[in-house]
């Protein structure tokens, strides 16, 4: 049987991933503005937004297959401006770490409920890919920080390679 606590946790993760998708979409179009014009950052953020949306869809389909239910909440996003690529990536890194912690807790609830199928699903579909994404973001941050004397050149070079 699909445990109630697992259903509640997955509802939270569905809403978290939709919120992340929306936030990354906002970030993408920030970098697409004419006065910012960083197409690589735009592309990276759009891909991140799409992956989060796909993750939410996987969770909703999983809930339906297992006989659970989900309730979509109002999407809440960050209302802030990002000063540059480094600022946006640092925000993303912290956000992804928080999302990872939430998925780890969801996995813990699944383990406590004896739901090996849900634990495996969370590991394969969310935890492993998210850790790889966290590493990628951290690498980009390190690359930008290495250009401390000429940040704008570093941002341009990274943007060209995204």
N, C-alpha and C. Protein backbone atom coordinates (compact mmCIF):
# COMPACT_ATOMS: atom_id res chain seq x y z
N UNK A 1 0.84 -1.19 0.00
CA UNK A 1 0.00 0.00 0.00
C UNK A 1 0.88 1.25 0.00
N UNK A 2 0.42 2.26 -0.68
CA UNK A 2 1.13 3.54 -0.78
C UNK A 2 0.86 4.32 0.51
N UNK A 3 1.89 4.54 1.30
CA UNK A 3 1.75 5.16 2.61
C UNK A 3 1.37 6.64 2.49
N UNK A 4 0.50 7.08 3.39
CA UNK A 4 0.02 8.47 3.39
C UNK A 4 1.18 9.47 3.48
N UNK A 5 2.16 9.20 4.34
CA UNK A 5 3.31 10.12 4.48
C UNK A 5 4.09 10.24 3.18
N UNK A 6 4.19 9.14 2.45
CA UNK A 6 4.87 9.18 1.15
C UNK A 6 4.09 10.04 0.17
N UNK A 7 2.79 9.90 0.18
CA UNK A 7 1.95 10.71 -0.71
C UNK A 7 2.12 12.19 -0.41
N UNK A 8 2.12 12.53 0.87
CA UNK A 8 2.28 13.94 1.26
C UNK A 8 3.66 14.47 0.85
N UNK A 9 4.69 13.66 1.03
CA UNK A 9 6.04 14.06 0.63
C UNK A 9 6.12 14.27 -0.88
N UNK A 10 5.56 13.36 -1.63
CA UNK A 10 5.60 13.50 -3.09
C UNK A 10 4.81 14.71 -3.55
N UNK A 11 3.72 15.03 -2.88
CA UNK A 11 2.99 16.25 -3.19
C UNK A 11 3.89 17.47 -3.02
N UNK A 12 4.65 17.47 -1.94
CA UNK A 12 5.59 18.57 -1.71
C UNK A 12 6.64 18.65 -2.80
N UNK A 13 7.17 17.50 -3.23
CA UNK A 13 8.20 17.50 -4.26
C UNK A 13 7.63 17.92 -5.61
N UNK A 14 6.40 17.54 -5.91
CA UNK A 14 5.77 17.99 -7.16
C UNK A 14 5.72 19.50 -7.18
N UNK A 15 5.23 20.07 -6.12
CA UNK A 15 5.11 21.52 -6.06
C UNK A 15 6.46 22.21 -6.03
N UNK A 16 7.44 21.61 -5.35
CA UNK A 16 8.80 22.16 -5.34
C UNK A 16 9.40 22.20 -6.75
N UNK A 17 9.24 21.09 -7.49
CA UNK A 17 9.86 21.04 -8.81
C UNK A 17 9.16 21.97 -9.79
N UNK A 18 7.85 22.12 -9.67
CA UNK A 18 7.16 23.09 -10.52
C UNK A 18 7.59 24.51 -10.19
N UNK A 19 7.78 24.80 -8.92
CA UNK A 19 8.25 26.12 -8.51
C UNK A 19 9.66 26.37 -9.04
N UNK A 20 10.52 25.35 -8.96
CA UNK A 20 11.89 25.48 -9.48
C UNK A 20 11.86 25.72 -10.99
N UNK A 21 11.00 25.01 -11.69
CA UNK A 21 10.88 25.21 -13.14
C UNK A 21 10.51 26.65 -13.46
N UNK A 22 9.56 27.16 -12.74
CA UNK A 22 9.09 28.52 -12.95
C UNK A 22 10.19 29.54 -12.62
N UNK A 23 10.91 29.29 -11.53
CA UNK A 23 12.00 30.18 -11.13
C UNK A 23 13.11 30.18 -12.18
N UNK A 24 13.48 29.00 -12.67
CA UNK A 24 14.54 28.91 -13.68
C UNK A 24 14.09 29.52 -15.00
N UNK A 25 12.80 29.44 -15.30
CA UNK A 25 12.27 30.10 -16.48
C UNK A 25 12.43 31.63 -16.35
N UNK A 26 12.15 32.14 -15.16
CA UNK A 26 12.35 33.57 -14.89
C UNK A 26 13.82 33.94 -15.07
N UNK A 27 14.70 33.11 -14.54
CA UNK A 27 16.14 33.34 -14.69
C UNK A 27 16.54 33.34 -16.16
N UNK A 28 16.04 32.38 -16.91
CA UNK A 28 16.39 32.28 -18.33
C UNK A 28 16.06 33.57 -19.06
N UNK A 29 14.86 34.07 -18.85
CA UNK A 29 14.47 35.27 -19.58
C UNK A 29 15.14 36.52 -19.04
N UNK A 30 15.65 36.46 -17.82
CA UNK A 30 16.49 37.56 -17.32
C UNK A 30 17.74 37.67 -18.20
N UNK A 31 18.35 36.53 -18.51
CA UNK A 31 19.58 36.54 -19.31
C UNK A 31 19.32 36.75 -20.80
N UNK A 32 18.07 36.66 -21.20
CA UNK A 32 17.69 36.90 -22.60
C UNK A 32 17.38 38.37 -22.86
N UNK A 33 17.33 39.17 -21.81
CA UNK A 33 17.04 40.60 -21.98
C UNK A 33 18.11 41.27 -22.84
N UNK A 34 17.72 42.29 -23.57
CA UNK A 34 18.64 43.00 -24.47
C UNK A 34 19.79 43.65 -23.72
N UNK A 35 19.56 44.10 -22.50
CA UNK A 35 20.62 44.76 -21.73
C UNK A 35 21.52 43.77 -21.00
N UNK A 36 21.18 42.48 -21.01
CA UNK A 36 22.01 41.44 -20.38
C UNK A 36 22.68 40.60 -21.48
N UNK A 37 21.88 40.05 -22.37
CA UNK A 37 22.34 39.34 -23.58
C UNK A 37 23.42 38.29 -23.31
N UNK A 38 23.06 37.29 -22.52
CA UNK A 38 23.95 36.15 -22.29
C UNK A 38 23.21 34.88 -22.75
N UNK A 39 23.31 34.57 -24.06
CA UNK A 39 22.53 33.46 -24.61
C UNK A 39 22.88 32.10 -24.04
N UNK A 40 24.12 31.90 -23.62
CA UNK A 40 24.50 30.62 -23.02
C UNK A 40 23.81 30.42 -21.68
N UNK A 41 23.77 31.48 -20.87
CA UNK A 41 23.07 31.40 -19.58
C UNK A 41 21.57 31.19 -19.81
N UNK A 42 21.03 31.88 -20.81
CA UNK A 42 19.62 31.70 -21.16
C UNK A 42 19.34 30.23 -21.47
N UNK A 43 20.16 29.64 -22.33
CA UNK A 43 19.98 28.24 -22.73
C UNK A 43 20.10 27.30 -21.53
N UNK A 44 21.11 27.53 -20.69
CA UNK A 44 21.33 26.69 -19.51
C UNK A 44 20.13 26.75 -18.57
N UNK A 45 19.61 27.95 -18.34
CA UNK A 45 18.48 28.11 -17.43
C UNK A 45 17.19 27.53 -18.03
N UNK A 46 17.02 27.66 -19.35
CA UNK A 46 15.84 27.07 -20.00
C UNK A 46 15.88 25.54 -19.89
N UNK A 47 17.06 24.96 -20.08
CA UNK A 47 17.19 23.51 -19.95
C UNK A 47 16.90 23.07 -18.52
N UNK A 48 17.37 23.85 -17.55
CA UNK A 48 17.11 23.53 -16.14
C UNK A 48 15.61 23.62 -15.85
N UNK A 49 14.96 24.63 -16.39
CA UNK A 49 13.51 24.79 -16.20
C UNK A 49 12.76 23.60 -16.78
N UNK A 50 13.14 23.19 -17.97
CA UNK A 50 12.48 22.07 -18.64
C UNK A 50 12.69 20.77 -17.85
N UNK A 51 13.90 20.54 -17.34
CA UNK A 51 14.18 19.32 -16.57
C UNK A 51 13.34 19.28 -15.29
N UNK A 52 13.18 20.43 -14.65
CA UNK A 52 12.35 20.47 -13.44
C UNK A 52 10.89 20.17 -13.78
N UNK A 53 10.41 20.73 -14.88
CA UNK A 53 9.03 20.46 -15.30
C UNK A 53 8.85 18.98 -15.61
N UNK A 54 9.82 18.39 -16.30
CA UNK A 54 9.76 16.96 -16.60
C UNK A 54 9.76 16.14 -15.31
N UNK A 55 10.54 16.58 -14.33
CA UNK A 55 10.57 15.90 -13.04
C UNK A 55 9.21 15.93 -12.36
N UNK A 56 8.55 17.07 -12.41
CA UNK A 56 7.21 17.17 -11.82
C UNK A 56 6.25 16.23 -12.53
N UNK A 57 6.36 16.14 -13.84
CA UNK A 57 5.49 15.24 -14.61
C UNK A 57 5.75 13.78 -14.22
N UNK A 58 7.02 13.41 -14.05
CA UNK A 58 7.35 12.04 -13.62
C UNK A 58 6.71 11.74 -12.27
N UNK A 59 6.80 12.71 -11.36
CA UNK A 59 6.23 12.51 -10.03
C UNK A 59 4.71 12.36 -10.09
N UNK A 60 4.06 13.16 -10.91
CA UNK A 60 2.60 13.08 -11.03
C UNK A 60 2.18 11.74 -11.64
N UNK A 61 2.90 11.30 -12.67
CA UNK A 61 2.59 10.01 -13.29
C UNK A 61 2.82 8.87 -12.29
N UNK A 62 3.91 8.97 -11.52
CA UNK A 62 4.20 7.96 -10.51
C UNK A 62 3.07 7.89 -9.48
N UNK A 63 2.62 9.06 -9.04
CA UNK A 63 1.52 9.10 -8.06
C UNK A 63 0.28 8.41 -8.63
N UNK A 64 -0.04 8.68 -9.86
CA UNK A 64 -1.22 8.06 -10.47
C UNK A 64 -1.06 6.55 -10.57
N UNK A 65 0.13 6.08 -10.96
CA UNK A 65 0.37 4.64 -11.08
C UNK A 65 0.23 3.93 -9.74
N UNK A 66 0.67 4.62 -8.68
CA UNK A 66 0.65 4.00 -7.35
C UNK A 66 -0.68 4.19 -6.62
N UNK A 67 -1.60 4.93 -7.21
CA UNK A 67 -2.90 5.12 -6.58
C UNK A 67 -2.95 6.28 -5.61
N UNK A 68 -1.96 7.15 -5.70
CA UNK A 68 -1.96 8.34 -4.85
C UNK A 68 -2.71 9.47 -5.51
N UNK A 69 -2.66 10.60 -4.91
CA UNK A 69 -3.29 11.80 -5.45
C UNK A 69 -2.35 12.96 -5.24
N UNK A 70 -2.53 13.98 -6.04
CA UNK A 70 -1.70 15.17 -5.85
C UNK A 70 -2.57 16.40 -5.93
N UNK A 71 -2.09 17.42 -5.26
CA UNK A 71 -2.79 18.70 -5.24
C UNK A 71 -1.77 19.78 -5.55
N UNK A 72 -1.99 20.47 -6.65
CA UNK A 72 -1.07 21.53 -7.04
C UNK A 72 -1.37 22.79 -6.24
N UNK A 73 -0.33 23.36 -5.70
CA UNK A 73 -0.46 24.62 -4.96
C UNK A 73 -0.13 25.77 -5.89
N UNK A 74 -0.40 26.95 -5.41
CA UNK A 74 -0.01 28.16 -6.14
C UNK A 74 1.51 28.19 -6.21
N UNK A 75 2.04 28.51 -7.38
CA UNK A 75 3.49 28.54 -7.56
C UNK A 75 4.05 29.82 -6.96
N UNK A 76 5.03 29.63 -6.09
CA UNK A 76 5.71 30.75 -5.46
C UNK A 76 7.14 30.77 -5.98
N UNK A 77 7.59 31.93 -6.43
CA UNK A 77 8.96 32.04 -6.95
C UNK A 77 9.70 33.15 -6.22
N UNK A 78 10.98 33.18 -6.47
CA UNK A 78 11.82 34.25 -5.92
C UNK A 78 11.51 35.55 -6.63
N UNK A 79 11.28 36.57 -5.86
CA UNK A 79 11.09 37.90 -6.45
C UNK A 79 12.34 38.70 -6.17
N UNK A 80 13.28 38.56 -7.05
CA UNK A 80 14.55 39.26 -6.89
C UNK A 80 15.19 39.46 -8.24
N UNK A 81 16.18 40.30 -8.24
CA UNK A 81 16.97 40.53 -9.46
C UNK A 81 18.34 39.90 -9.25
N UNK A 82 18.90 39.40 -10.32
CA UNK A 82 20.21 38.80 -10.26
C UNK A 82 21.19 39.77 -10.90
N UNK A 83 22.27 40.04 -10.21
CA UNK A 83 23.21 41.06 -10.71
C UNK A 83 24.07 40.56 -11.86
N UNK A 84 24.36 39.25 -11.88
CA UNK A 84 25.21 38.70 -12.94
C UNK A 84 25.08 37.17 -12.93
N UNK A 85 25.84 36.53 -13.79
CA UNK A 85 25.79 35.08 -13.89
C UNK A 85 26.20 34.37 -12.62
N UNK A 86 27.22 34.90 -11.96
CA UNK A 86 27.69 34.28 -10.72
C UNK A 86 26.59 34.32 -9.66
N UNK A 87 25.95 35.45 -9.52
CA UNK A 87 24.86 35.59 -8.55
C UNK A 87 23.75 34.58 -8.85
N UNK A 88 23.38 34.44 -10.11
CA UNK A 88 22.32 33.51 -10.49
C UNK A 88 22.74 32.06 -10.23
N UNK A 89 23.98 31.72 -10.55
CA UNK A 89 24.46 30.35 -10.33
C UNK A 89 24.55 30.04 -8.84
N UNK A 90 24.97 31.00 -8.03
CA UNK A 90 25.02 30.77 -6.59
C UNK A 90 23.62 30.56 -6.03
N UNK A 91 22.66 31.33 -6.54
CA UNK A 91 21.27 31.12 -6.15
C UNK A 91 20.82 29.72 -6.53
N UNK A 92 21.11 29.32 -7.78
CA UNK A 92 20.72 27.99 -8.25
C UNK A 92 21.34 26.89 -7.40
N UNK A 93 22.61 27.07 -7.05
CA UNK A 93 23.30 26.05 -6.25
C UNK A 93 22.61 25.86 -4.91
N UNK A 94 22.31 26.95 -4.22
CA UNK A 94 21.63 26.85 -2.93
C UNK A 94 20.24 26.25 -3.09
N UNK A 95 19.55 26.63 -4.15
CA UNK A 95 18.21 26.10 -4.40
C UNK A 95 18.27 24.60 -4.68
N UNK A 96 19.23 24.17 -5.47
CA UNK A 96 19.37 22.75 -5.78
C UNK A 96 19.75 21.93 -4.55
N UNK A 97 20.59 22.49 -3.69
CA UNK A 97 20.95 21.80 -2.45
C UNK A 97 19.72 21.62 -1.56
N UNK A 98 18.89 22.65 -1.50
CA UNK A 98 17.65 22.56 -0.72
C UNK A 98 16.72 21.50 -1.31
N UNK A 99 16.60 21.50 -2.63
CA UNK A 99 15.76 20.50 -3.30
C UNK A 99 16.30 19.09 -3.03
N UNK A 100 17.62 18.93 -3.08
CA UNK A 100 18.23 17.64 -2.82
C UNK A 100 17.92 17.18 -1.39
N UNK A 101 18.03 18.09 -0.43
CA UNK A 101 17.72 17.75 0.96
C UNK A 101 16.25 17.32 1.09
N UNK A 102 15.36 17.99 0.38
CA UNK A 102 13.94 17.61 0.42
C UNK A 102 13.72 16.22 -0.16
N UNK A 103 14.40 15.91 -1.26
CA UNK A 103 14.27 14.57 -1.84
C UNK A 103 14.90 13.51 -0.94
N UNK A 104 15.99 13.84 -0.26
CA UNK A 104 16.58 12.90 0.69
C UNK A 104 15.60 12.59 1.82
N UNK A 105 14.91 13.62 2.29
CA UNK A 105 13.92 13.40 3.35
C UNK A 105 12.76 12.55 2.84
N UNK A 106 12.34 12.80 1.62
CA UNK A 106 11.27 11.99 1.02
C UNK A 106 11.70 10.54 0.92
N UNK A 107 12.96 10.33 0.55
CA UNK A 107 13.48 8.96 0.48
C UNK A 107 13.50 8.32 1.86
N UNK A 108 13.87 9.09 2.87
CA UNK A 108 13.89 8.58 4.24
C UNK A 108 12.48 8.14 4.67
N UNK A 109 11.49 8.94 4.34
CA UNK A 109 10.09 8.59 4.65
C UNK A 109 9.71 7.29 3.94
N UNK A 110 10.12 7.16 2.68
CA UNK A 110 9.84 5.93 1.93
C UNK A 110 10.51 4.73 2.60
N UNK A 111 11.75 4.91 3.03
CA UNK A 111 12.47 3.82 3.71
C UNK A 111 11.76 3.42 5.00
N UNK A 112 11.35 4.43 5.77
CA UNK A 112 10.67 4.16 7.04
C UNK A 112 9.33 3.46 6.82
N UNK A 113 8.72 3.70 5.68
CA UNK A 113 7.43 3.07 5.34
C UNK A 113 7.63 1.70 4.69
N UNK A 114 8.88 1.32 4.46
CA UNK A 114 9.16 0.04 3.81
C UNK A 114 8.82 0.03 2.33
N UNK A 115 8.88 1.18 1.70
CA UNK A 115 8.51 1.31 0.29
C UNK A 115 9.78 1.36 -0.57
N UNK A 116 10.32 0.17 -0.86
CA UNK A 116 11.57 0.08 -1.63
C UNK A 116 11.39 0.61 -3.06
N UNK A 117 10.21 0.44 -3.62
CA UNK A 117 9.96 0.93 -4.98
C UNK A 117 10.08 2.44 -5.04
N UNK A 118 9.48 3.13 -4.08
CA UNK A 118 9.57 4.59 -4.04
C UNK A 118 11.01 5.04 -3.78
N UNK A 119 11.70 4.36 -2.87
CA UNK A 119 13.10 4.71 -2.59
C UNK A 119 13.95 4.62 -3.85
N UNK A 120 13.78 3.53 -4.59
CA UNK A 120 14.53 3.34 -5.83
C UNK A 120 14.17 4.40 -6.86
N UNK A 121 12.89 4.71 -6.98
CA UNK A 121 12.43 5.74 -7.92
C UNK A 121 13.06 7.09 -7.58
N UNK A 122 13.05 7.47 -6.32
CA UNK A 122 13.63 8.75 -5.90
C UNK A 122 15.13 8.77 -6.19
N UNK A 123 15.82 7.67 -5.87
CA UNK A 123 17.27 7.60 -6.12
C UNK A 123 17.59 7.79 -7.60
N UNK A 124 16.98 6.96 -8.43
CA UNK A 124 17.33 6.94 -9.86
C UNK A 124 16.86 8.17 -10.62
N UNK A 125 15.67 8.62 -10.32
CA UNK A 125 15.08 9.70 -11.12
C UNK A 125 15.40 11.10 -10.60
N UNK A 126 15.77 11.21 -9.31
CA UNK A 126 15.94 12.55 -8.74
C UNK A 126 17.26 12.76 -8.02
N UNK A 127 17.64 11.88 -7.12
CA UNK A 127 18.84 12.14 -6.33
C UNK A 127 20.12 12.06 -7.16
N UNK A 128 20.30 10.99 -7.91
CA UNK A 128 21.53 10.85 -8.71
C UNK A 128 21.66 11.98 -9.74
N UNK A 129 20.63 12.26 -10.54
CA UNK A 129 20.76 13.37 -11.49
C UNK A 129 20.96 14.73 -10.81
N UNK A 130 20.31 14.95 -9.67
CA UNK A 130 20.42 16.24 -9.00
C UNK A 130 21.83 16.46 -8.46
N UNK A 131 22.45 15.42 -7.93
CA UNK A 131 23.82 15.55 -7.43
C UNK A 131 24.76 15.90 -8.59
N UNK A 132 24.56 15.29 -9.74
CA UNK A 132 25.37 15.62 -10.92
C UNK A 132 25.16 17.07 -11.34
N UNK A 133 23.92 17.54 -11.26
CA UNK A 133 23.61 18.92 -11.63
C UNK A 133 24.22 19.89 -10.63
N UNK A 134 24.18 19.55 -9.36
CA UNK A 134 24.80 20.39 -8.32
C UNK A 134 26.30 20.52 -8.60
N UNK A 135 26.93 19.42 -8.96
CA UNK A 135 28.37 19.44 -9.28
C UNK A 135 28.64 20.35 -10.47
N UNK A 136 27.80 20.26 -11.50
CA UNK A 136 27.97 21.09 -12.70
C UNK A 136 27.87 22.58 -12.34
N UNK A 137 26.87 22.94 -11.55
CA UNK A 137 26.71 24.34 -11.15
C UNK A 137 27.91 24.79 -10.33
N UNK A 138 28.36 23.97 -9.40
CA UNK A 138 29.51 24.31 -8.57
C UNK A 138 30.76 24.51 -9.43
N UNK A 139 30.93 23.69 -10.45
CA UNK A 139 32.07 23.85 -11.37
C UNK A 139 31.99 25.19 -12.09
N UNK A 140 30.81 25.56 -12.56
CA UNK A 140 30.65 26.84 -13.25
C UNK A 140 30.95 28.01 -12.31
N UNK A 141 30.53 27.89 -11.07
CA UNK A 141 30.82 28.94 -10.08
C UNK A 141 32.32 29.06 -9.88
N UNK A 142 33.01 27.93 -9.75
CA UNK A 142 34.47 27.95 -9.59
C UNK A 142 35.15 28.60 -10.78
N UNK A 143 34.67 28.28 -11.97
CA UNK A 143 35.25 28.88 -13.18
C UNK A 143 35.07 30.39 -13.17
N UNK A 144 33.89 30.86 -12.81
CA UNK A 144 33.66 32.31 -12.77
C UNK A 144 34.50 32.98 -11.70
N UNK A 145 34.63 32.34 -10.56
CA UNK A 145 35.42 32.93 -9.47
C UNK A 145 36.90 32.99 -9.82
N UNK A 146 37.35 32.12 -10.71
CA UNK A 146 38.77 32.14 -11.08
C UNK A 146 39.12 33.39 -11.90
N UNK A 147 38.10 34.08 -12.38
CA UNK A 147 38.30 35.32 -13.13
C UNK A 147 38.04 36.53 -12.24
N UNK A 148 38.52 36.48 -11.02
CA UNK A 148 38.22 37.55 -10.06
C UNK A 148 38.73 38.91 -10.53
N UNK A 149 39.83 38.93 -11.26
CA UNK A 149 40.39 40.21 -11.71
C UNK A 149 39.66 40.76 -12.93
N UNK A 150 39.10 39.86 -13.74
CA UNK A 150 38.36 40.31 -14.92
C UNK A 150 37.09 39.46 -15.05
N UNK A 151 36.17 39.70 -14.14
CA UNK A 151 34.95 38.89 -14.07
C UNK A 151 34.19 38.88 -15.39
N UNK A 152 34.04 40.01 -16.01
CA UNK A 152 33.22 40.09 -17.23
C UNK A 152 33.78 39.22 -18.35
N UNK A 153 35.10 39.13 -18.45
CA UNK A 153 35.71 38.23 -19.44
C UNK A 153 35.35 36.79 -19.10
N UNK A 154 35.46 36.43 -17.84
CA UNK A 154 35.12 35.07 -17.41
C UNK A 154 33.67 34.73 -17.68
N UNK A 155 32.79 35.69 -17.41
CA UNK A 155 31.37 35.47 -17.65
C UNK A 155 31.11 35.28 -19.15
N UNK A 156 31.79 36.07 -19.97
CA UNK A 156 31.64 35.95 -21.42
C UNK A 156 32.13 34.57 -21.90
N UNK A 157 33.29 34.15 -21.41
CA UNK A 157 33.85 32.85 -21.82
C UNK A 157 32.93 31.71 -21.39
N UNK A 158 32.45 31.76 -20.14
CA UNK A 158 31.54 30.71 -19.68
C UNK A 158 30.25 30.72 -20.50
N UNK A 159 29.72 31.90 -20.77
CA UNK A 159 28.50 32.01 -21.55
C UNK A 159 28.67 31.37 -22.93
N UNK A 160 29.83 31.57 -23.53
CA UNK A 160 30.10 30.98 -24.85
C UNK A 160 30.14 29.46 -24.79
N UNK A 161 30.49 28.90 -23.63
CA UNK A 161 30.64 27.46 -23.49
C UNK A 161 29.42 26.75 -22.90
N UNK A 162 28.42 27.50 -22.51
CA UNK A 162 27.23 26.88 -21.92
C UNK A 162 26.33 26.28 -23.00
